[in-house]
């Protein structure tokens, strides 16, 4: 049985959507299953056709009917959030070492108007009509492992007025 690896996954968000890029060039034999709270991904890719897969339990529900995807260069997913809000993290569980922030696409809530929406013009709609909905065990994780980073911080300096 061939060894299966976790690919690097880059993510960014806006209040209405999450954008994921799976860092596998020339992905083949893609298998994707998406429901409101989980993304399951598997493929072969790279020069040696190595096997990759992951399961991502999303922090909050998404709307799979309006989500999109593309495999032009790398597998990319545009996941429309069920509620318009900023997520403190991508996944329900703690930090995953193979998931990183995509700073080139990231925009803080204050910068969203300036940076604009994600470019999804070349993406297709996802067809998951044959996929059954699964119940997610447990309730929503309302506690974040990060403190509220938007609170003002007092800074003292040694500068004196002349």
N, C-alpha and C. Protein backbone atom coordinates (compact mmCIF):
# COMPACT_ATOMS: atom_id res chain seq x y z
N UNK A 1 0.85 -1.19 0.00
CA UNK A 1 0.00 0.00 0.00
C UNK A 1 0.89 1.24 0.00
N UNK A 2 0.60 2.18 -0.88
CA UNK A 2 1.41 3.38 -1.02
C UNK A 2 1.22 4.32 0.17
N UNK A 3 2.27 5.06 0.49
CA UNK A 3 2.21 6.02 1.58
C UNK A 3 1.37 7.22 1.16
N UNK A 4 0.52 7.69 2.06
CA UNK A 4 -0.34 8.85 1.79
C UNK A 4 0.14 10.01 2.64
N UNK A 5 0.29 11.18 2.03
CA UNK A 5 0.79 12.36 2.73
C UNK A 5 -0.29 13.43 2.82
N UNK A 6 -0.09 14.37 3.74
CA UNK A 6 -0.94 15.56 3.84
C UNK A 6 -0.31 16.65 2.98
N UNK A 7 -1.07 17.25 2.08
CA UNK A 7 -0.52 18.35 1.30
C UNK A 7 -0.54 19.65 2.12
N UNK A 8 0.24 20.61 1.70
CA UNK A 8 0.14 21.94 2.30
C UNK A 8 -1.12 22.60 1.78
N UNK A 9 -1.88 23.20 2.69
CA UNK A 9 -3.12 23.88 2.33
C UNK A 9 -3.00 25.33 2.79
N UNK A 10 -3.21 26.27 1.88
CA UNK A 10 -3.17 27.69 2.20
C UNK A 10 -4.60 28.19 2.25
N UNK A 11 -4.90 29.08 3.22
CA UNK A 11 -6.28 29.60 3.31
C UNK A 11 -6.28 31.08 3.58
N UNK A 12 -7.35 31.70 3.10
CA UNK A 12 -7.60 33.13 3.34
C UNK A 12 -9.11 33.26 3.44
N UNK A 13 -9.57 34.39 3.96
CA UNK A 13 -11.02 34.57 4.09
C UNK A 13 -11.44 36.00 3.88
N UNK A 14 -12.70 36.15 3.56
CA UNK A 14 -13.44 37.40 3.62
C UNK A 14 -14.63 37.10 4.52
N UNK A 15 -15.43 38.08 4.83
CA UNK A 15 -16.57 37.84 5.72
C UNK A 15 -17.56 36.85 5.12
N UNK A 16 -17.61 36.76 3.78
CA UNK A 16 -18.60 35.89 3.14
C UNK A 16 -18.05 34.57 2.62
N UNK A 17 -16.71 34.39 2.62
CA UNK A 17 -16.16 33.18 2.00
C UNK A 17 -14.77 32.82 2.53
N UNK A 18 -14.41 31.57 2.30
CA UNK A 18 -13.08 31.05 2.60
C UNK A 18 -12.48 30.59 1.28
N UNK A 19 -11.19 30.86 1.08
CA UNK A 19 -10.50 30.49 -0.14
C UNK A 19 -9.37 29.54 0.24
N UNK A 20 -9.36 28.33 -0.33
CA UNK A 20 -8.33 27.33 -0.03
C UNK A 20 -7.55 27.00 -1.29
N UNK A 21 -6.24 26.88 -1.16
CA UNK A 21 -5.38 26.42 -2.23
C UNK A 21 -4.63 25.20 -1.72
N UNK A 22 -4.76 24.07 -2.42
CA UNK A 22 -4.04 22.85 -2.07
C UNK A 22 -2.76 22.84 -2.90
N UNK A 23 -1.61 22.82 -2.24
CA UNK A 23 -0.32 22.98 -2.91
C UNK A 23 0.14 21.67 -3.55
N UNK A 24 -0.56 21.28 -4.62
CA UNK A 24 -0.20 20.10 -5.39
C UNK A 24 -0.34 20.45 -6.86
N UNK A 25 0.78 20.51 -7.57
CA UNK A 25 0.75 20.80 -9.00
C UNK A 25 0.30 19.56 -9.76
N UNK A 26 -0.43 19.78 -10.83
CA UNK A 26 -0.87 18.70 -11.71
C UNK A 26 -1.60 17.59 -10.95
N UNK A 27 -2.54 17.98 -10.13
CA UNK A 27 -3.31 17.00 -9.36
C UNK A 27 -4.15 16.14 -10.29
N UNK A 28 -4.15 14.84 -10.04
CA UNK A 28 -4.91 13.90 -10.85
C UNK A 28 -5.73 13.00 -9.94
N UNK A 29 -6.71 12.34 -10.51
CA UNK A 29 -7.57 11.41 -9.75
C UNK A 29 -8.15 12.08 -8.52
N UNK A 30 -8.64 13.30 -8.69
CA UNK A 30 -9.20 14.04 -7.56
C UNK A 30 -10.47 13.37 -7.04
N UNK A 31 -10.56 13.29 -5.72
CA UNK A 31 -11.77 12.84 -5.05
C UNK A 31 -12.08 13.88 -3.99
N UNK A 32 -13.21 14.56 -4.15
CA UNK A 32 -13.60 15.63 -3.25
C UNK A 32 -15.00 15.34 -2.74
N UNK A 33 -15.17 15.44 -1.44
CA UNK A 33 -16.49 15.33 -0.85
C UNK A 33 -16.66 16.52 0.08
N UNK A 34 -17.72 17.29 -0.13
CA UNK A 34 -17.95 18.50 0.64
C UNK A 34 -19.36 18.48 1.20
N UNK A 35 -19.47 18.72 2.49
CA UNK A 35 -20.78 18.98 3.07
C UNK A 35 -20.68 20.30 3.82
N UNK A 36 -21.68 20.66 4.56
CA UNK A 36 -21.70 21.98 5.21
C UNK A 36 -20.58 22.19 6.22
N UNK A 37 -20.01 21.12 6.77
CA UNK A 37 -19.00 21.29 7.81
C UNK A 37 -17.69 20.55 7.56
N UNK A 38 -17.59 19.79 6.46
CA UNK A 38 -16.41 18.98 6.23
C UNK A 38 -15.99 19.00 4.76
N UNK A 39 -14.67 19.09 4.54
CA UNK A 39 -14.10 18.94 3.21
C UNK A 39 -13.16 17.74 3.25
N UNK A 40 -13.45 16.73 2.42
CA UNK A 40 -12.58 15.57 2.29
C UNK A 40 -11.95 15.64 0.91
N UNK A 41 -10.62 15.47 0.86
CA UNK A 41 -9.87 15.66 -0.39
C UNK A 41 -8.86 14.53 -0.53
N UNK A 42 -8.71 14.01 -1.75
CA UNK A 42 -7.68 13.02 -2.06
C UNK A 42 -7.30 13.18 -3.52
N UNK A 43 -6.02 12.95 -3.83
CA UNK A 43 -5.56 13.00 -5.21
C UNK A 43 -4.17 12.40 -5.32
N UNK A 44 -3.68 12.33 -6.53
CA UNK A 44 -2.29 12.00 -6.82
C UNK A 44 -1.72 13.23 -7.51
N UNK A 45 -0.45 13.51 -7.27
CA UNK A 45 0.10 14.70 -7.90
C UNK A 45 1.60 14.76 -7.83
N UNK A 46 2.14 15.81 -8.45
CA UNK A 46 3.58 16.00 -8.48
C UNK A 46 4.22 15.11 -9.54
N UNK A 47 5.54 15.19 -9.64
CA UNK A 47 6.27 14.43 -10.65
C UNK A 47 6.20 12.92 -10.42
N UNK A 48 6.13 12.51 -9.16
CA UNK A 48 6.15 11.08 -8.85
C UNK A 48 4.76 10.48 -8.63
N UNK A 49 3.70 11.27 -8.79
CA UNK A 49 2.34 10.77 -8.63
C UNK A 49 2.02 10.34 -7.22
N UNK A 50 2.60 11.02 -6.25
CA UNK A 50 2.41 10.69 -4.84
C UNK A 50 0.96 10.87 -4.42
N UNK A 51 0.50 10.05 -3.48
CA UNK A 51 -0.88 10.13 -2.99
C UNK A 51 -0.99 11.13 -1.84
N UNK A 52 -2.03 11.98 -1.89
CA UNK A 52 -2.29 12.98 -0.86
C UNK A 52 -3.75 12.88 -0.44
N UNK A 53 -4.01 13.16 0.83
CA UNK A 53 -5.40 13.24 1.28
C UNK A 53 -5.48 13.98 2.61
N UNK A 54 -6.67 14.55 2.87
CA UNK A 54 -6.94 15.17 4.16
C UNK A 54 -8.44 15.27 4.38
N UNK A 55 -8.81 15.42 5.63
CA UNK A 55 -10.18 15.72 6.02
C UNK A 55 -10.10 16.97 6.87
N UNK A 56 -10.88 17.97 6.52
CA UNK A 56 -10.88 19.24 7.22
C UNK A 56 -12.27 19.50 7.80
N UNK A 57 -12.36 19.52 9.13
CA UNK A 57 -13.61 19.87 9.81
C UNK A 57 -13.65 21.38 9.95
N UNK A 58 -14.50 22.02 9.18
CA UNK A 58 -14.56 23.48 9.12
C UNK A 58 -15.07 24.08 10.42
N UNK A 59 -14.58 25.27 10.74
CA UNK A 59 -14.94 25.97 11.97
C UNK A 59 -16.45 26.20 12.07
N UNK A 60 -17.06 26.60 10.99
CA UNK A 60 -18.50 26.87 10.94
C UNK A 60 -19.03 26.35 9.60
N UNK A 61 -20.35 26.24 9.46
CA UNK A 61 -20.92 25.72 8.22
C UNK A 61 -20.70 26.65 7.02
N UNK A 62 -20.65 26.01 5.85
CA UNK A 62 -20.58 26.73 4.58
C UNK A 62 -21.80 26.35 3.74
N UNK A 63 -22.02 27.07 2.65
CA UNK A 63 -23.11 26.77 1.73
C UNK A 63 -22.50 26.06 0.52
N UNK A 64 -22.63 24.76 0.46
CA UNK A 64 -21.96 24.01 -0.60
C UNK A 64 -22.56 24.26 -1.97
N UNK A 65 -23.83 24.63 -2.06
CA UNK A 65 -24.45 24.87 -3.35
C UNK A 65 -23.87 26.08 -4.07
N UNK A 66 -23.39 27.08 -3.34
CA UNK A 66 -22.82 28.28 -3.97
C UNK A 66 -21.30 28.29 -3.92
N UNK A 67 -20.70 27.21 -3.45
CA UNK A 67 -19.24 27.09 -3.43
C UNK A 67 -18.73 26.70 -4.81
N UNK A 68 -17.45 27.01 -5.09
CA UNK A 68 -16.86 26.76 -6.40
C UNK A 68 -15.49 26.12 -6.26
N UNK A 69 -14.95 25.63 -7.38
CA UNK A 69 -13.63 25.03 -7.36
C UNK A 69 -12.94 25.18 -8.71
N UNK A 70 -11.63 24.96 -8.71
CA UNK A 70 -10.84 25.01 -9.94
C UNK A 70 -9.64 24.09 -9.76
N UNK A 71 -9.19 23.50 -10.86
CA UNK A 71 -7.98 22.67 -10.83
C UNK A 71 -7.00 23.11 -11.91
N UNK A 72 -7.08 24.37 -12.35
CA UNK A 72 -6.22 24.84 -13.44
C UNK A 72 -4.74 24.62 -13.14
N UNK A 73 -4.23 25.16 -12.06
CA UNK A 73 -2.82 24.99 -11.72
C UNK A 73 -2.69 24.19 -10.45
N UNK A 74 -3.41 24.57 -9.44
CA UNK A 74 -3.49 23.88 -8.17
C UNK A 74 -4.97 23.71 -7.84
N UNK A 75 -5.35 22.68 -7.10
CA UNK A 75 -6.75 22.61 -6.65
C UNK A 75 -7.05 23.80 -5.74
N UNK A 76 -8.11 24.54 -6.07
CA UNK A 76 -8.52 25.70 -5.29
C UNK A 76 -10.01 25.61 -5.01
N UNK A 77 -10.39 26.04 -3.80
CA UNK A 77 -11.78 25.99 -3.39
C UNK A 77 -12.22 27.35 -2.89
N UNK A 78 -13.39 27.77 -3.34
CA UNK A 78 -14.05 28.98 -2.85
C UNK A 78 -15.28 28.49 -2.10
N UNK A 79 -15.22 28.54 -0.78
CA UNK A 79 -16.28 28.02 0.07
C UNK A 79 -17.07 29.18 0.65
N UNK A 80 -18.32 29.29 0.23
CA UNK A 80 -19.19 30.38 0.67
C UNK A 80 -19.68 30.09 2.09
N UNK A 81 -19.45 31.01 3.01
CA UNK A 81 -19.87 30.83 4.40
C UNK A 81 -21.40 30.88 4.51
N UNK A 82 -21.95 30.09 5.43
CA UNK A 82 -23.40 30.10 5.66
C UNK A 82 -23.82 31.41 6.31
N UNK A 83 -22.96 31.97 7.16
CA UNK A 83 -23.23 33.26 7.81
C UNK A 83 -22.09 34.21 7.49
N UNK A 84 -22.42 35.47 7.26
CA UNK A 84 -21.40 36.48 6.96
C UNK A 84 -20.75 36.90 8.28
N UNK A 85 -19.52 36.44 8.45
CA UNK A 85 -18.75 36.75 9.66
C UNK A 85 -17.30 36.36 9.44
N UNK A 86 -16.42 36.89 10.27
CA UNK A 86 -15.02 36.53 10.22
C UNK A 86 -14.78 35.36 11.16
N UNK A 87 -14.16 34.32 10.64
CA UNK A 87 -13.83 33.15 11.46
C UNK A 87 -12.49 33.38 12.16
N UNK A 88 -12.37 32.99 13.43
CA UNK A 88 -11.08 33.11 14.11
C UNK A 88 -10.09 32.03 13.69
N UNK A 89 -10.59 30.97 13.05
CA UNK A 89 -9.73 29.88 12.58
C UNK A 89 -10.48 29.12 11.49
N UNK A 90 -9.78 28.32 10.72
CA UNK A 90 -10.38 27.57 9.62
C UNK A 90 -11.07 26.29 10.10
N UNK A 91 -10.44 25.58 10.99
CA UNK A 91 -10.93 24.27 11.39
C UNK A 91 -11.39 24.25 12.84
N UNK A 92 -12.26 23.29 13.14
CA UNK A 92 -12.78 23.16 14.51
C UNK A 92 -11.67 22.79 15.48
N UNK A 93 -10.84 21.84 15.09
CA UNK A 93 -9.78 21.35 15.97
C UNK A 93 -8.69 22.41 16.14
N UNK A 94 -7.70 22.08 16.91
CA UNK A 94 -6.57 22.98 17.10
C UNK A 94 -5.79 23.15 15.81
N UNK A 95 -4.68 23.83 15.89
CA UNK A 95 -3.85 24.14 14.73
C UNK A 95 -3.37 22.86 14.04
N UNK A 96 -3.48 22.85 12.72
CA UNK A 96 -3.00 21.74 11.92
C UNK A 96 -1.70 22.17 11.24
N UNK A 97 -0.62 21.40 11.37
CA UNK A 97 0.68 21.83 10.84
C UNK A 97 0.72 21.98 9.33
N UNK A 98 -0.18 21.36 8.61
CA UNK A 98 -0.18 21.41 7.15
C UNK A 98 -1.10 22.50 6.60
N UNK A 99 -1.75 23.26 7.48
CA UNK A 99 -2.62 24.38 7.06
C UNK A 99 -1.94 25.69 7.43
N UNK A 100 -1.78 26.56 6.45
CA UNK A 100 -1.11 27.86 6.64
C UNK A 100 -1.98 28.99 6.11
N UNK A 101 -1.76 30.18 6.60
CA UNK A 101 -2.47 31.37 6.10
C UNK A 101 -1.85 31.80 4.77
N UNK A 102 -2.69 32.10 3.81
CA UNK A 102 -2.26 32.61 2.52
C UNK A 102 -2.27 34.14 2.59
N UNK A 103 -1.15 34.72 3.02
CA UNK A 103 -1.08 36.16 3.25
C UNK A 103 -1.28 36.95 1.96
N UNK A 104 -1.00 36.36 0.80
CA UNK A 104 -1.17 37.10 -0.47
C UNK A 104 -2.65 37.34 -0.79
N UNK A 105 -3.54 36.53 -0.23
CA UNK A 105 -4.98 36.68 -0.47
C UNK A 105 -5.73 37.19 0.76
N UNK A 106 -5.07 37.22 1.89
CA UNK A 106 -5.72 37.56 3.16
C UNK A 106 -6.09 39.05 3.20
N UNK A 107 -7.22 39.36 3.82
CA UNK A 107 -7.61 40.75 4.07
C UNK A 107 -8.29 40.80 5.42
N UNK A 108 -7.83 41.71 6.28
CA UNK A 108 -8.51 41.94 7.54
C UNK A 108 -9.87 42.55 7.23
N UNK A 109 -10.79 42.46 8.17
CA UNK A 109 -12.14 42.98 7.92
C UNK A 109 -12.11 44.46 7.54
N UNK A 110 -11.14 45.22 8.06
CA UNK A 110 -11.01 46.64 7.72
C UNK A 110 -10.52 46.84 6.28
N UNK A 111 -9.79 45.85 5.73
CA UNK A 111 -9.18 45.97 4.41
C UNK A 111 -10.00 45.32 3.30
N UNK A 112 -11.12 44.69 3.62
CA UNK A 112 -11.87 43.93 2.61
C UNK A 112 -12.32 44.79 1.45
N UNK A 113 -12.80 46.00 1.70
CA UNK A 113 -13.26 46.86 0.61
C UNK A 113 -12.10 47.22 -0.32
N UNK A 114 -10.94 47.49 0.26
CA UNK A 114 -9.76 47.86 -0.52
C UNK A 114 -9.23 46.68 -1.33
N UNK A 115 -9.19 45.49 -0.72
CA UNK A 115 -8.63 44.32 -1.37
C UNK A 115 -9.63 43.64 -2.31
N UNK A 116 -10.91 43.80 -2.05
CA UNK A 116 -11.94 43.25 -2.92
C UNK A 116 -12.22 41.79 -2.65
N UNK A 117 -13.15 41.25 -3.41
CA UNK A 117 -13.55 39.86 -3.26
C UNK A 117 -12.51 38.95 -3.91
N UNK A 118 -12.62 37.66 -3.63
CA UNK A 118 -11.75 36.68 -4.27
C UNK A 118 -12.08 36.59 -5.75
N UNK A 119 -11.07 36.37 -6.60
CA UNK A 119 -11.29 36.20 -8.02
C UNK A 119 -11.68 34.74 -8.28
N UNK A 120 -12.95 34.52 -8.58
CA UNK A 120 -13.45 33.16 -8.80
C UNK A 120 -14.05 33.01 -10.21
N UNK A 121 -13.66 33.88 -11.12
CA UNK A 121 -14.22 33.88 -12.46
C UNK A 121 -13.99 32.59 -13.23
N UNK A 122 -12.85 31.90 -13.00
CA UNK A 122 -12.56 30.68 -13.75
C UNK A 122 -12.93 29.41 -12.98
N UNK A 123 -13.66 29.56 -11.90
CA UNK A 123 -14.05 28.40 -11.10
C UNK A 123 -15.41 27.89 -11.52
N UNK A 124 -15.60 26.61 -11.32
CA UNK A 124 -16.87 25.97 -11.64
C UNK A 124 -17.66 25.74 -10.36
N UNK A 125 -18.96 25.55 -10.51
CA UNK A 125 -19.77 25.18 -9.36
C UNK A 125 -19.48 23.74 -8.96
N UNK A 126 -19.63 23.43 -7.73
CA UNK A 126 -19.42 22.07 -7.24
C UNK A 126 -20.70 21.27 -7.39
N UNK A 127 -20.61 20.07 -7.93
CA UNK A 127 -21.78 19.21 -8.03
C UNK A 127 -21.65 18.08 -7.03
N UNK A 128 -22.32 18.23 -5.92
CA UNK A 128 -22.30 17.21 -4.88
C UNK A 128 -23.68 16.59 -4.72
N UNK A 129 -24.45 16.53 -5.82
CA UNK A 129 -25.82 16.03 -5.73
C UNK A 129 -25.88 14.57 -5.29
N UNK A 130 -24.84 13.79 -5.57
CA UNK A 130 -24.84 12.39 -5.18
C UNK A 130 -24.27 12.14 -3.80
N UNK A 131 -23.91 13.19 -3.09
CA UNK A 131 -23.29 13.06 -1.78
C UNK A 131 -24.34 13.24 -0.70
N UNK A 132 -24.38 12.32 0.25
CA UNK A 132 -25.37 12.43 1.33
C UNK A 132 -24.86 13.35 2.44
N UNK A 133 -25.79 14.01 3.11
CA UNK A 133 -25.45 14.87 4.25
C UNK A 133 -25.14 14.00 5.46
N UNK A 134 -24.11 14.34 6.20
CA UNK A 134 -23.78 13.59 7.42
C UNK A 134 -23.97 14.51 8.62
N UNK A 135 -24.47 13.93 9.67
CA UNK A 135 -24.62 14.69 10.91
C UNK A 135 -23.24 14.87 11.53
N UNK A 136 -22.99 16.03 12.08
CA UNK A 136 -21.73 16.29 12.76
C UNK A 136 -21.95 16.09 14.25
N UNK A 137 -21.15 15.22 14.84
CA UNK A 137 -21.28 14.96 16.28
C UNK A 137 -20.81 16.16 17.08
N UNK A 138 -21.46 16.41 18.20
CA UNK A 138 -21.07 17.51 19.08
C UNK A 138 -21.68 18.82 18.64
N UNK A 139 -21.47 19.83 19.47
CA UNK A 139 -22.01 21.14 19.16
C UNK A 139 -20.92 22.05 18.63
N UNK A 140 -21.30 23.25 18.23
CA UNK A 140 -20.33 24.20 17.70
C UNK A 140 -19.29 24.55 18.74
N UNK A 141 -18.07 24.73 18.28
CA UNK A 141 -16.97 25.12 19.15
C UNK A 141 -16.99 26.64 19.25
N UNK A 142 -17.54 27.15 20.34
CA UNK A 142 -17.66 28.60 20.48
C UNK A 142 -16.41 29.24 21.08
N UNK A 143 -15.53 28.43 21.63
CA UNK A 143 -14.32 28.98 22.24
C UNK A 143 -13.20 28.99 21.22
N UNK A 144 -12.53 30.09 21.12
CA UNK A 144 -11.40 30.20 20.22
C UNK A 144 -10.12 30.03 21.01
N UNK A 145 -9.10 29.43 20.37
CA UNK A 145 -7.83 29.30 21.05
C UNK A 145 -7.05 30.62 21.00
N UNK A 146 -7.58 31.56 20.24
CA UNK A 146 -6.94 32.87 20.17
C UNK A 146 -7.76 33.89 20.95
N UNK A 147 -7.09 34.76 21.62
CA UNK A 147 -7.78 35.86 22.30
C UNK A 147 -8.24 36.87 21.25
N UNK A 148 -9.10 37.76 21.63
CA UNK A 148 -9.58 38.78 20.69
C UNK A 148 -8.42 39.70 20.34
N UNK A 149 -7.97 39.60 19.10
CA UNK A 149 -6.80 40.36 18.67
C UNK A 149 -7.15 41.79 18.24
N UNK A 150 -8.43 42.11 18.23
CA UNK A 150 -8.84 43.45 17.80
C UNK A 150 -8.90 44.45 18.94
N UNK A 151 -8.64 44.03 20.17
CA UNK A 151 -8.70 44.95 21.29
C UNK A 151 -7.51 45.90 21.25
N UNK A 152 -7.71 47.17 21.60
CA UNK A 152 -6.60 48.12 21.59
C UNK A 152 -5.56 47.77 22.65
N UNK A 153 -4.31 48.05 22.33
CA UNK A 153 -3.22 47.78 23.23
C UNK A 153 -2.54 49.10 23.57
N UNK A 154 -2.34 49.37 24.86
CA UNK A 154 -1.68 50.61 25.28
C UNK A 154 -0.18 50.44 25.08
N UNK A 155 0.45 51.44 24.45
CA UNK A 155 1.89 51.41 24.20
C UNK A 155 2.51 52.63 24.84
N UNK A 156 3.52 52.39 25.66
CA UNK A 156 4.22 53.51 26.30
C UNK A 156 5.57 53.68 25.62
N UNK A 157 5.97 54.94 25.45
CA UNK A 157 7.28 55.22 24.85
C UNK A 157 8.09 56.08 25.80
N UNK A 158 9.38 56.13 25.53
CA UNK A 158 10.28 56.93 26.35
C UNK A 158 10.49 58.32 25.75
N UNK A 159 9.79 58.61 24.65
CA UNK A 159 9.93 59.91 24.00
C UNK A 159 9.43 61.02 24.92
N UNK A 160 10.17 62.10 24.99
CA UNK A 160 9.74 63.26 25.78
C UNK A 160 9.47 64.42 24.83
N UNK A 161 8.50 65.22 25.17
CA UNK A 161 8.21 66.42 24.37
C UNK A 161 9.31 67.44 24.56
N UNK A 162 9.77 68.04 23.51
CA UNK A 162 10.85 69.02 23.60
C UNK A 162 10.34 70.41 23.82
